[in-house]
C-alpha atoms as a PDB file:
ATOM      1  CA  MET A   1       0.544 -23.403 -41.957  1.00  0.00           C
ATOM      2  CA  ALA A   2      -3.222 -24.140 -40.680  1.00  0.00           C
ATOM      3  CA  GLU A   3      -5.024 -26.620 -42.170  1.00  0.00           C
ATOM      4  CA  ALA A   4      -7.997 -26.224 -44.189  1.00  0.00           C
ATOM      5  CA  PRO A   5     -11.271 -26.491 -42.265  1.00  0.00           C
ATOM      6  CA  ARG A   6     -13.070 -30.029 -42.064  1.00  0.00           C
ATOM      7  CA  GLU A   7     -16.108 -28.133 -43.215  1.00  0.00           C
ATOM      8  CA  TRP A   8     -16.888 -24.664 -44.773  1.00  0.00           C
ATOM      9  CA  VAL A   9     -19.567 -23.071 -47.095  1.00  0.00           C
ATOM     10  CA  ARG A  10     -19.765 -20.057 -49.977  1.00  0.00           C
ATOM     11  CA  ALA A  11     -22.552 -18.889 -51.292  1.00  0.00           C
ATOM     12  CA  TRP A  12     -23.287 -15.697 -53.637  1.00  0.00           C
ATOM     13  CA  ARG A  13     -25.211 -14.698 -56.239  1.00  0.00           C
ATOM     14  CA  PRO A  14     -23.833 -13.626 -59.880  1.00  0.00           C
ATOM     15  CA  ALA A  15     -25.733 -11.096 -61.971  1.00  0.00           C
ATOM     16  CA  VAL A  16     -26.833 -13.369 -63.950  1.00  0.00           C
ATOM     17  CA  PRO A  17     -30.688 -14.003 -65.085  1.00  0.00           C
ATOM     18  CA  GLY A  18     -31.700 -17.454 -63.945  1.00  0.00           C
ATOM     19  CA  VAL A  19     -29.319 -18.091 -61.614  1.00  0.00           C
ATOM     20  CA  ARG A  20     -30.342 -18.187 -57.886  1.00  0.00           C
ATOM     21  CA  GLU A  21     -27.319 -18.642 -56.269  1.00  0.00           C
ATOM     22  CA  VAL A  22     -24.210 -20.623 -56.879  1.00  0.00           C
ATOM     23  CA  PHE A  23     -23.393 -22.615 -53.328  1.00  0.00           C
ATOM     24  CA  HIS A  24     -19.965 -24.242 -52.564  1.00  0.00           C
ATOM     25  CA  ALA A  25     -19.144 -26.227 -50.058  1.00  0.00           C
ATOM     26  CA  ARG A  26     -17.318 -29.250 -47.960  1.00  0.00           C
ATOM     27  CA  PHE A  27     -19.288 -31.692 -45.843  1.00  0.00           C
ATOM     28  CA  VAL A  28     -17.988 -34.345 -43.706  1.00  0.00           C
ATOM     29  CA  ASP A  29     -20.495 -34.811 -40.961  1.00  0.00           C
ATOM     30  CA  HIS A  30     -23.087 -32.521 -41.863  1.00  0.00           C
ATOM     31  CA  VAL A  31     -26.596 -34.340 -42.851  1.00  0.00           C
ATOM     32  CA  TYR A  32     -29.598 -32.933 -44.477  1.00  0.00           C
ATOM     33  CA  PRO A  33     -32.994 -33.524 -43.984  1.00  0.00           C
ATOM     34  CA  PRO A  34     -35.620 -33.851 -46.388  1.00  0.00           C
ATOM     35  CA  HIS A  35     -36.571 -30.776 -47.854  1.00  0.00           C
ATOM     36  CA  THR A  36     -37.449 -29.518 -51.339  1.00  0.00           C
ATOM     37  CA  HIS A  37     -36.222 -25.944 -53.121  1.00  0.00           C
ATOM     38  CA  GLU A  38     -38.030 -23.839 -55.393  1.00  0.00           C
ATOM     39  CA  ALA A  39     -34.725 -23.365 -57.684  1.00  0.00           C
ATOM     40  CA  TRP A  40     -33.862 -26.483 -59.834  1.00  0.00           C
ATOM     41  CA  THR A  41     -30.197 -27.790 -58.002  1.00  0.00           C
ATOM     42  CA  VAL A  42     -27.438 -28.769 -60.801  1.00  0.00           C
ATOM     43  CA  PHE A  43     -24.042 -29.835 -58.944  1.00  0.00           C
ATOM     44  CA  LEU A  44     -20.663 -31.529 -59.213  1.00  0.00           C
ATOM     45  CA  VAL A  45     -19.160 -33.459 -56.843  1.00  0.00           C
ATOM     46  CA  ASP A  46     -15.405 -32.897 -56.976  1.00  0.00           C
ATOM     47  CA  GLU A  47     -14.228 -35.022 -54.077  1.00  0.00           C
ATOM     48  CA  GLY A  48     -15.703 -37.755 -52.668  1.00  0.00           C
ATOM     49  CA  ALA A  49     -19.241 -38.843 -52.604  1.00  0.00           C
ATOM     50  CA  VAL A  50     -22.798 -38.254 -51.622  1.00  0.00           C
ATOM     51  CA  ARG A  51     -25.618 -40.853 -50.606  1.00  0.00           C
ATOM     52  CA  TYR A  52     -29.269 -39.006 -51.328  1.00  0.00           C
ATOM     53  CA  ASP A  53     -33.092 -39.940 -51.349  1.00  0.00           C
ATOM     54  CA  LEU A  54     -35.236 -38.544 -54.215  1.00  0.00           C
ATOM     55  CA  GLU A  55     -38.472 -39.154 -53.436  1.00  0.00           C
ATOM     56  CA  THR A  56     -38.670 -42.667 -52.167  1.00  0.00           C
ATOM     57  CA  LYS A  57     -35.472 -43.621 -54.357  1.00  0.00           C
ATOM     58  CA  HIS A  58     -31.581 -44.484 -53.052  1.00  0.00           C
ATOM     59  CA  ARG A  59     -29.301 -42.945 -55.030  1.00  0.00           C
ATOM     60  CA  GLY A  60     -25.491 -41.875 -54.733  1.00  0.00           C
ATOM     61  CA  VAL A  61     -23.319 -39.823 -56.468  1.00  0.00           C
ATOM     62  CA  ALA A  62     -19.311 -40.044 -57.219  1.00  0.00           C
ATOM     63  CA  GLY A  63     -16.535 -39.563 -59.785  1.00  0.00           C
ATOM     64  CA  ARG A  64     -17.392 -37.186 -62.995  1.00  0.00           C
ATOM     65  CA  ARG A  65     -21.196 -36.411 -63.430  1.00  0.00           C
ATOM     66  CA  VAL A  66     -23.481 -34.026 -62.960  1.00  0.00           C
ATOM     67  CA  THR A  67     -27.047 -34.435 -60.797  1.00  0.00           C
ATOM     68  CA  LEU A  68     -29.745 -32.787 -61.207  1.00  0.00           C
ATOM     69  CA  LEU A  69     -32.551 -32.298 -58.271  1.00  0.00           C
ATOM     70  CA  PRO A  70     -35.802 -30.896 -59.491  1.00  0.00           C
ATOM     71  CA  PRO A  71     -37.617 -28.002 -57.757  1.00  0.00           C
ATOM     72  CA  HIS A  72     -40.687 -29.430 -55.613  1.00  0.00           C
ATOM     73  CA  VAL A  73     -39.401 -32.310 -54.883  1.00  0.00           C
ATOM     74  CA  VAL A  74     -38.232 -33.732 -51.655  1.00  0.00           C
ATOM     75  CA  HIS A  75     -34.843 -34.664 -51.556  1.00  0.00           C
ATOM     76  CA  ASP A  76     -32.101 -35.340 -48.750  1.00  0.00           C
ATOM     77  CA  GLY A  77     -28.322 -35.788 -48.343  1.00  0.00           C
ATOM     78  CA  ARG A  78     -25.067 -36.696 -46.495  1.00  0.00           C
ATOM     79  CA  ALA A  79     -21.437 -37.988 -47.049  1.00  0.00           C
ATOM     80  CA  ALA A  80     -20.845 -41.770 -48.552  1.00  0.00           C
ATOM     81  CA  ASN A  81     -18.220 -42.107 -45.929  1.00  0.00           C
ATOM     82  CA  ALA A  82     -16.257 -41.031 -43.354  1.00  0.00           C
ATOM     83  CA  VAL A  83     -14.110 -39.051 -45.560  1.00  0.00           C
ATOM     84  CA  GLY A  84     -16.774 -36.533 -46.336  1.00  0.00           C
ATOM     85  CA  TYR A  85     -17.614 -35.086 -50.046  1.00  0.00           C
ATOM     86  CA  ARG A  86     -16.906 -31.219 -51.659  1.00  0.00           C
ATOM     87  CA  LYS A  87     -19.243 -29.814 -54.222  1.00  0.00           C
ATOM     88  CA  ARG A  88     -20.379 -26.980 -56.418  1.00  0.00           C
ATOM     89  CA  VAL A  89     -23.915 -26.225 -56.758  1.00  0.00           C
ATOM     90  CA  LEU A  90     -26.278 -24.018 -59.471  1.00  0.00           C
ATOM     91  CA  TYR A  91     -29.859 -23.083 -57.981  1.00  0.00           C
ATOM     92  CA  LEU A  92     -31.392 -22.377 -61.313  1.00  0.00           C
ATOM     93  CA  ASP A  93     -34.914 -20.588 -61.730  1.00  0.00           C
ATOM     94  CA  ALA A  94     -37.569 -21.724 -64.722  1.00  0.00           C
ATOM     95  CA  GLU A  95     -36.290 -19.527 -67.018  1.00  0.00           C
ATOM     96  CA  VAL A  96     -33.710 -22.180 -67.552  1.00  0.00           C
ATOM     97  CA  LEU A  97     -35.270 -25.118 -67.204  1.00  0.00           C
ATOM     98  CA  PRO A  98     -38.885 -25.649 -67.369  1.00  0.00           C
ATOM     99  CA  GLU A  99     -41.147 -27.665 -64.688  1.00  0.00           C
ATOM    100  CA  ARG A 100     -42.756 -29.647 -67.258  1.00  0.00           C
ATOM    101  CA  LEU A 101     -39.147 -32.014 -67.078  1.00  0.00           C
ATOM    102  CA  ILE A 102     -39.691 -32.488 -63.270  1.00  0.00           C
ATOM    103  CA  GLY A 103     -40.684 -36.254 -64.222  1.00  0.00           C
ATOM    104  CA  ALA A 104     -37.900 -36.586 -66.530  1.00  0.00           C
ATOM    105  CA  SER A 105     -35.533 -35.443 -63.747  1.00  0.00           C
ATOM    106  CA  VAL A 106     -36.983 -37.430 -60.932  1.00  0.00           C
ATOM    107  CA  ASP A 107     -36.354 -40.474 -63.485  1.00  0.00           C
ATOM    108  CA  ARG A 108     -32.853 -39.065 -64.707  1.00  0.00           C
ATOM    109  CA  PRO A 109     -31.299 -37.018 -62.187  1.00  0.00           C
ATOM    110  CA  ASP A 110     -27.481 -38.046 -63.033  1.00  0.00           C
ATOM    111  CA  THR A 111     -25.626 -38.519 -66.169  1.00  0.00           C
ATOM    112  CA  GLU A 112     -21.757 -38.871 -66.915  1.00  0.00           C
ATOM    113  CA  ASP A 113     -22.161 -37.179 -70.233  1.00  0.00           C
ATOM    114  CA  PRO A 114     -18.701 -35.519 -70.958  1.00  0.00           C
ATOM    115  CA  SER A 115     -20.258 -32.655 -72.700  1.00  0.00           C
ATOM    116  CA  ILE A 116     -22.649 -32.098 -70.266  1.00  0.00           C
ATOM    117  CA  VAL A 117     -20.412 -32.152 -67.106  1.00  0.00           C
ATOM    118  CA  ASP A 118     -17.540 -29.943 -68.905  1.00  0.00           C
ATOM    119  CA  SER A 119     -20.614 -27.459 -69.646  1.00  0.00           C
ATOM    120  CA  VAL A 120     -21.648 -27.371 -66.015  1.00  0.00           C
ATOM    121  CA  ALA A 121     -17.900 -27.338 -64.717  1.00  0.00           C
ATOM    122  CA  ARG A 122     -17.400 -24.173 -67.232  1.00  0.00           C
ATOM    123  CA  VAL A 123     -20.428 -22.338 -66.193  1.00  0.00           C
ATOM    124  CA  HIS A 124     -18.766 -23.052 -62.498  1.00  0.00           C
ATOM    125  CA  ARG A 125     -15.476 -21.493 -64.017  1.00  0.00           C
ATOM    126  CA  ALA A 126     -16.519 -18.466 -65.246  1.00  0.00           C
ATOM    127  CA  VAL A 127     -18.888 -17.834 -62.110  1.00  0.00           C
ATOM    128  CA  GLU A 128     -15.603 -18.244 -59.962  1.00  0.00           C
ATOM    129  CA  GLU A 129     -13.567 -15.800 -62.248  1.00  0.00           C
ATOM    130  CA  ARG A 130     -16.045 -13.289 -62.120  1.00  0.00           C
ATOM    131  CA  SER A 131     -16.380 -13.172 -65.773  1.00  0.00           C
ATOM    132  CA  ASP A 132     -18.228 -11.317 -67.368  1.00  0.00           C
ATOM    133  CA  PRO A 133     -22.040 -11.437 -67.086  1.00  0.00           C
ATOM    134  CA  LEU A 134     -22.570 -12.373 -70.923  1.00  0.00           C
ATOM    135  CA  GLU A 135     -19.765 -14.574 -70.774  1.00  0.00           C
ATOM    136  CA  ILE A 136     -21.203 -16.529 -67.700  1.00  0.00           C
ATOM    137  CA  GLU A 137     -24.786 -16.243 -69.505  1.00  0.00           C
ATOM    138  CA  SER A 138     -23.324 -17.601 -72.848  1.00  0.00           C
ATOM    139  CA  ALA A 139     -21.769 -20.702 -70.906  1.00  0.00           C
ATOM    140  CA  LEU A 140     -24.820 -21.359 -68.750  1.00  0.00           C
ATOM    141  CA  ALA A 141     -26.917 -21.376 -72.246  1.00  0.00           C
ATOM    142  CA  ILE A 142     -25.117 -24.302 -73.555  1.00  0.00           C
ATOM    143  CA  ALA A 143     -24.931 -25.847 -70.302  1.00  0.00           C
ATOM    144  CA  ALA A 144     -28.878 -25.697 -70.151  1.00  0.00           C
ATOM    145  CA  GLU A 145     -29.507 -26.962 -74.013  1.00  0.00           C
ATOM    146  CA  ARG A 146     -27.056 -30.160 -72.926  1.00  0.00           C
ATOM    147  CA  LEU A 147     -29.153 -30.704 -69.927  1.00  0.00           C
ATOM    148  CA  LEU A 148     -32.789 -29.950 -71.786  1.00  0.00           C
ATOM    149  CA  HIS A 149     -31.495 -32.696 -74.579  1.00  0.00           C
ATOM    150  CA  HIS A 150     -30.711 -35.077 -71.707  1.00  0.00           C
ATOM    151  CA  LEU A 151     -33.843 -34.772 -70.122  1.00  0.00           C
ATOM    152  CA  GLY A 152     -36.106 -35.872 -73.533  1.00  0.00           C
ATOM    153  CA  ALA A 153     -36.573 -31.988 -74.427  1.00  0.00           C
ATOM    154  CA  ARG A 154     -37.817 -31.176 -78.019  1.00  0.00           C
ATOM    155  CA  GLY A 155     -37.308 -28.074 -79.247  1.00  0.00           C
ATOM    156  CA  SER A 156     -39.959 -25.194 -79.847  1.00  0.00           C
ATOM    157  CA  ALA A 157     -42.448 -26.271 -82.613  1.00  0.00           C
ATOM    158  CA  GLY A 158     -42.582 -23.967 -85.557  1.00  0.00           C
ATOM    159  CA  PRO A 159     -39.942 -22.569 -88.557  1.00  0.00           C
ATOM    160  CA  VAL A 160     -36.341 -21.864 -87.483  1.00  0.00           C
ATOM    161  CA  ARG A 161     -34.572 -18.980 -89.000  1.00  0.00           C
ATOM    162  CA  PRO A 162     -31.628 -19.439 -90.886  1.00  0.00           C
ATOM    163  CA  SER A 163     -28.538 -18.703 -88.148  1.00  0.00           C
ATOM    164  CA  ASN A 164     -27.055 -16.746 -90.289  1.00  0.00           C
ATOM    165  CA  GLU A 165     -29.525 -14.209 -90.122  1.00  0.00           C
ATOM    166  CA  ILE A 166     -29.864 -14.674 -86.642  1.00  0.00           C
ATOM    167  CA  ALA A 167     -26.045 -14.040 -86.248  1.00  0.00           C
ATOM    168  CA  GLY A 168     -26.121 -11.372 -88.322  1.00  0.00           C
ATOM    169  CA  GLU A 169     -29.204  -9.628 -85.869  1.00  0.00           C
ATOM    170  CA  LEU A 170     -27.270 -10.461 -82.862  1.00  0.00           C
ATOM    171  CA  ARG A 171     -24.293  -9.153 -84.055  1.00  0.00           C
ATOM    172  CA  GLU A 172     -25.955  -5.754 -84.721  1.00  0.00           C
ATOM    173  CA  LEU A 173     -27.856  -5.607 -81.108  1.00  0.00           C
ATOM    174  CA  LEU A 174     -24.469  -6.258 -79.409  1.00  0.00           C
ATOM    175  CA  ASP A 175     -22.897  -3.445 -81.657  1.00  0.00           C
ATOM    176  CA  GLU A 176     -25.708  -1.268 -80.238  1.00  0.00           C
ATOM    177  CA  HIS A 177     -25.528  -2.088 -76.450  1.00  0.00           C
ATOM    178  CA  ARG A 178     -21.751  -2.844 -76.355  1.00  0.00           C
ATOM    179  CA  PHE A 179     -21.164  -0.273 -73.789  1.00  0.00           C
ATOM    180  CA  ASP A 180     -23.983  -0.831 -71.809  1.00  0.00           C
ATOM    181  CA  ARG A 181     -25.494  -4.675 -70.020  1.00  0.00           C
ATOM    182  CA  ILE A 182     -27.546  -6.576 -72.696  1.00  0.00           C
ATOM    183  CA  THR A 183     -28.127  -9.807 -71.527  1.00  0.00           C
ATOM    184  CA  LEU A 184     -29.088 -13.302 -73.604  1.00  0.00           C
ATOM    185  CA  ALA A 185     -32.207 -13.346 -72.357  1.00  0.00           C
ATOM    186  CA  ASP A 186     -33.070  -9.521 -73.551  1.00  0.00           C
ATOM    187  CA  ALA A 187     -31.441 -10.699 -77.221  1.00  0.00           C
ATOM    188  CA  GLY A 188     -33.220 -13.982 -76.874  1.00  0.00           C
ATOM    189  CA  ARG A 189     -36.843 -12.010 -76.541  1.00  0.00           C
ATOM    190  CA  THR A 190     -36.002  -9.122 -79.384  1.00  0.00           C
ATOM    191  CA  LEU A 191     -35.057 -11.989 -81.773  1.00  0.00           C
ATOM    192  CA  HIS A 192     -37.183 -14.511 -80.692  1.00  0.00           C
ATOM    193  CA  ALA A 193     -34.730 -17.259 -80.517  1.00  0.00           C
ATOM    194  CA  PRO A 194     -33.567 -19.147 -77.156  1.00  0.00           C
ATOM    195  CA  PRO A 195     -30.054 -17.980 -75.803  1.00  0.00           C
ATOM    196  CA  GLY A 196     -28.366 -20.977 -76.813  1.00  0.00           C
ATOM    197  CA  HIS A 197     -29.213 -21.149 -80.377  1.00  0.00           C
ATOM    198  CA  LEU A 198     -28.022 -16.941 -80.612  1.00  0.00           C
ATOM    199  CA  VAL A 199     -24.390 -18.637 -79.009  1.00  0.00           C
ATOM    200  CA  ARG A 200     -24.216 -21.380 -81.380  1.00  0.00           C
ATOM    201  CA  SER A 201     -25.700 -19.438 -84.502  1.00  0.00           C
ATOM    202  CA  PHE A 202     -23.176 -16.417 -83.593  1.00  0.00           C
ATOM    203  CA  THR A 203     -19.872 -18.196 -82.929  1.00  0.00           C
ATOM    204  CA  ARG A 204     -20.684 -20.744 -85.775  1.00  0.00           C
ATOM    205  CA  ALA A 205     -20.853 -17.275 -88.393  1.00  0.00           C
ATOM    206  CA  PHE A 206     -18.171 -15.252 -86.780  1.00  0.00           C
ATOM    207  CA  GLY A 207     -15.611 -17.754 -85.402  1.00  0.00           C
ATOM    208  CA  ILE A 208     -15.983 -16.045 -81.701  1.00  0.00           C
ATOM    209  CA  ALA A 209     -17.997 -16.196 -78.943  1.00  0.00           C
ATOM    210  CA  PRO A 210     -20.851 -13.285 -78.572  1.00  0.00           C
ATOM    211  CA  HIS A 211     -19.015 -12.074 -75.035  1.00  0.00           C
ATOM    212  CA  ARG A 212     -15.515 -12.079 -76.778  1.00  0.00           C
ATOM    213  CA  TYR A 213     -17.046 -10.254 -79.423  1.00  0.00           C
ATOM    214  CA  VAL A 214     -18.211  -7.432 -77.033  1.00  0.00           C
ATOM    215  CA  ILE A 215     -15.231  -7.396 -75.116  1.00  0.00           C
ATOM    216  CA  GLY A 216     -13.305  -7.037 -78.274  1.00  0.00           C
ATOM    217  CA  ARG A 217     -15.220  -3.906 -79.369  1.00  0.00           C
ATOM    218  CA  ARG A 218     -14.841  -2.354 -75.830  1.00  0.00           C
ATOM    219  CA  ILE A 219     -11.226  -2.853 -75.758  1.00  0.00           C
ATOM    220  CA  ASP A 220     -10.427  -0.954 -78.580  1.00  0.00           C
ATOM    221  CA  ALA A 221     -13.080   1.803 -77.840  1.00  0.00           C
ATOM    222  CA  ALA A 222     -10.519   1.618 -74.171  1.00  0.00           C
ATOM    223  CA  ARG A 223      -7.362   2.074 -76.499  1.00  0.00           C
ATOM    224  CA  ALA A 224      -8.685   5.012 -78.117  1.00  0.00           C
ATOM    225  CA  LEU A 225      -9.895   7.015 -75.141  1.00  0.00           C
ATOM    226  CA  LEU A 226      -6.740   6.303 -73.133  1.00  0.00           C
ATOM    227  CA  LEU A 227      -4.733   7.499 -75.968  1.00  0.00           C
ATOM    228  CA  GLU A 228      -6.994  10.807 -75.698  1.00  0.00           C
ATOM    229  CA  GLY A 229      -5.988  10.957 -72.147  1.00  0.00           C
ATOM    230  CA  GLU A 230      -8.956  10.152 -70.582  1.00  0.00           C
ATOM    231  CA  PRO A 231      -8.358   8.211 -67.069  1.00  0.00           C
ATOM    232  CA  ILE A 232      -8.103   4.726 -67.029  1.00  0.00           C
ATOM    233  CA  ALA A 233     -10.803   4.464 -64.214  1.00  0.00           C
ATOM    234  CA  ASP A 234     -13.102   6.874 -66.249  1.00  0.00           C
ATOM    235  CA  VAL A 235     -12.530   4.649 -69.464  1.00  0.00           C
ATOM    236  CA  ALA A 236     -13.255   1.573 -67.562  1.00  0.00           C
ATOM    237  CA  VAL A 237     -16.734   2.424 -66.933  1.00  0.00           C
ATOM    238  CA  ALA A 238     -17.152   4.454 -69.909  1.00  0.00           C
ATOM    239  CA  VAL A 239     -16.605   1.776 -72.240  1.00  0.00           C
ATOM    240  CA  GLY A 240     -18.862  -0.973 -70.278  1.00  0.00           C
ATOM    241  CA  PHE A 241     -16.302  -2.373 -67.383  1.00  0.00           C
ATOM    242  CA  HIS A 242     -17.189  -2.818 -64.026  1.00  0.00           C
ATOM    243  CA  ASP A 243     -14.159  -1.021 -62.601  1.00  0.00           C
ATOM    244  CA  GLN A 244     -10.246  -0.048 -63.934  1.00  0.00           C
ATOM    245  CA  ALA A 245      -9.296  -3.777 -62.481  1.00  0.00           C
ATOM    246  CA  HIS A 246     -11.824  -5.486 -64.330  1.00  0.00           C
ATOM    247  CA  LEU A 247     -10.496  -3.325 -67.466  1.00  0.00           C
ATOM    248  CA  THR A 248      -7.416  -3.947 -66.985  1.00  0.00           C
ATOM    249  CA  ARG A 249      -7.393  -7.817 -66.632  1.00  0.00           C
ATOM    250  CA  HIS A 250      -9.077  -7.902 -69.993  1.00  0.00           C
ATOM    251  CA  PHE A 251      -6.891  -5.068 -71.253  1.00  0.00           C
ATOM    252  CA  ARG A 252      -3.917  -7.317 -70.481  1.00  0.00           C
ATOM    253  CA  ARG A 253      -5.383 -10.569 -71.967  1.00  0.00           C
ATOM    254  CA  HIS A 254      -5.868  -8.801 -75.164  1.00  0.00           C
ATOM    255  CA  VAL A 255      -2.747  -6.039 -75.783  1.00  0.00           C
ATOM    256  CA  GLY A 256      -0.393  -7.974 -73.732  1.00  0.00           C
ATOM    257  CA  THR A 257       0.624  -5.171 -71.308  1.00  0.00           C
ATOM    258  CA  THR A 258      -1.562  -2.695 -68.753  1.00  0.00           C
ATOM    259  CA  PRO A 259      -3.922   0.325 -69.610  1.00  0.00           C
ATOM    260  CA  GLY A 260      -1.181   2.180 -67.264  1.00  0.00           C
ATOM    261  CA  ARG A 261       1.775   0.841 -69.527  1.00  0.00           C
ATOM    262  CA  PHE A 262      -0.112   1.305 -73.072  1.00  0.00           C
ATOM    263  CA  VAL A 263      -0.502   5.083 -72.235  1.00  0.00           C
ATOM    264  CA  ALA A 264       2.894   5.577 -70.213  1.00  0.00           C
ATOM    265  CA  SER A 265       4.966   4.906 -73.303  1.00  0.00           C
ATOM    266  CA  PRO A 266       3.109   3.913 -76.424  1.00  0.00           C
ATOM    267  CA  VAL A 267       6.393   3.806 -78.254  1.00  0.00           C
ATOM    268  CA  ASP A 268       9.446   3.673 -76.273  1.00  0.00           C
ATOM    269  CA  ALA A 269       8.369   0.398 -74.153  1.00  0.00           C
ATOM    270  CA  LEU A 270       8.639  -1.132 -77.764  1.00  0.00           C
ATOM    271  CA  GLU A 271      11.707  -3.486 -78.330  1.00  0.00           C
ATOM    272  CA  GLY A 272      13.881  -0.975 -80.341  1.00  0.00           C
ATOM    273  CA  GLY A 273      13.155   2.283 -78.944  1.00  0.00           C
ATOM    274  CA  PRO A 274      11.173   5.149 -81.504  1.00  0.00           C
ATOM    275  CA  PRO A 275      10.940   4.584 -85.070  1.00  0.00           C
ATOM    276  CA  PRO A 276      13.441   7.094 -86.907  1.00  0.00           C
ATOM    277  CA  GLU A 277      11.427  10.504 -88.069  1.00  0.00           C
ATOM    278  CA  GLY A 278       9.353   9.527 -90.847  1.00  0.00           C
ATOM    279  CA  GLN A 279       8.903   6.063 -90.333  1.00  0.00           C
ATOM    280  CA  PHE A 280       6.526   4.150 -88.766  1.00  0.00           C
ATOM    281  CA  ARG A 281       5.415   0.823 -86.467  1.00  0.00           C
ATOM    282  CA  SER A 282       3.239  -1.627 -87.720  1.00  0.00           C
ATOM    283  CA  ASP A 283       0.527  -2.182 -85.140  1.00  0.00           C
ATOM    284  CA  PRO A 284       2.348  -4.634 -82.350  1.00  0.00           C
ATOM    285  CA  HIS A 285      -0.874  -6.834 -83.344  1.00  0.00           C
END
């Protein structure tokens, strides 16, 4: 069995507003020279420890915490010991974290707050699992809210609309766009509410996150089309999934079987075979 490489890098850009790049790496000997980024750097160190300078301050990262390096501020980085480190990084645009918080981030770049660590880890998990873009964006909205609170950002001035009202309007909007892509950023502009508030209001009102609601509506539509004899690949695209594999993954989670098996033996596959003539099975839910 081949040994894992001593150092490695993976980078990609998910189709999610505000995320410029996702960067995973393991470094032992690599030393970052002093440099800056145009985007916010938000990272978790999963193994090992890192030493870095932010402006003229010496800092280090180890253990379960999130580090937030602001744009346009000089920093470097290196392993804190001979073992090296493994990290996961999100590079975020100013639409997620405003640049007016650069000063606060220089003063407080690290946090061990479990709610922040968990929310950033949830974004990475959604990205790594290639989840629906709305799911990734929802996780990012919650993480961004918690980071903003960490940096002392206050909510926007002015009256706050009732959560139930916003939740109802968001559901109408999601229903209208359930087969095409709508982002939380789009919904926020339409409903005049920040993405994090949309997610919290919807989840509180209906007991389900917005992305899970949309997936459920798409699965319902897919079931109907499949039973009408439409090809699985065509159904996947018609109801808003990337492709057949994307539909299959969610379909199995919701229905308990694959689309192919669902239409191949809709009754005989059920335990006990087909019901007697004139009798009907209850819905498998």
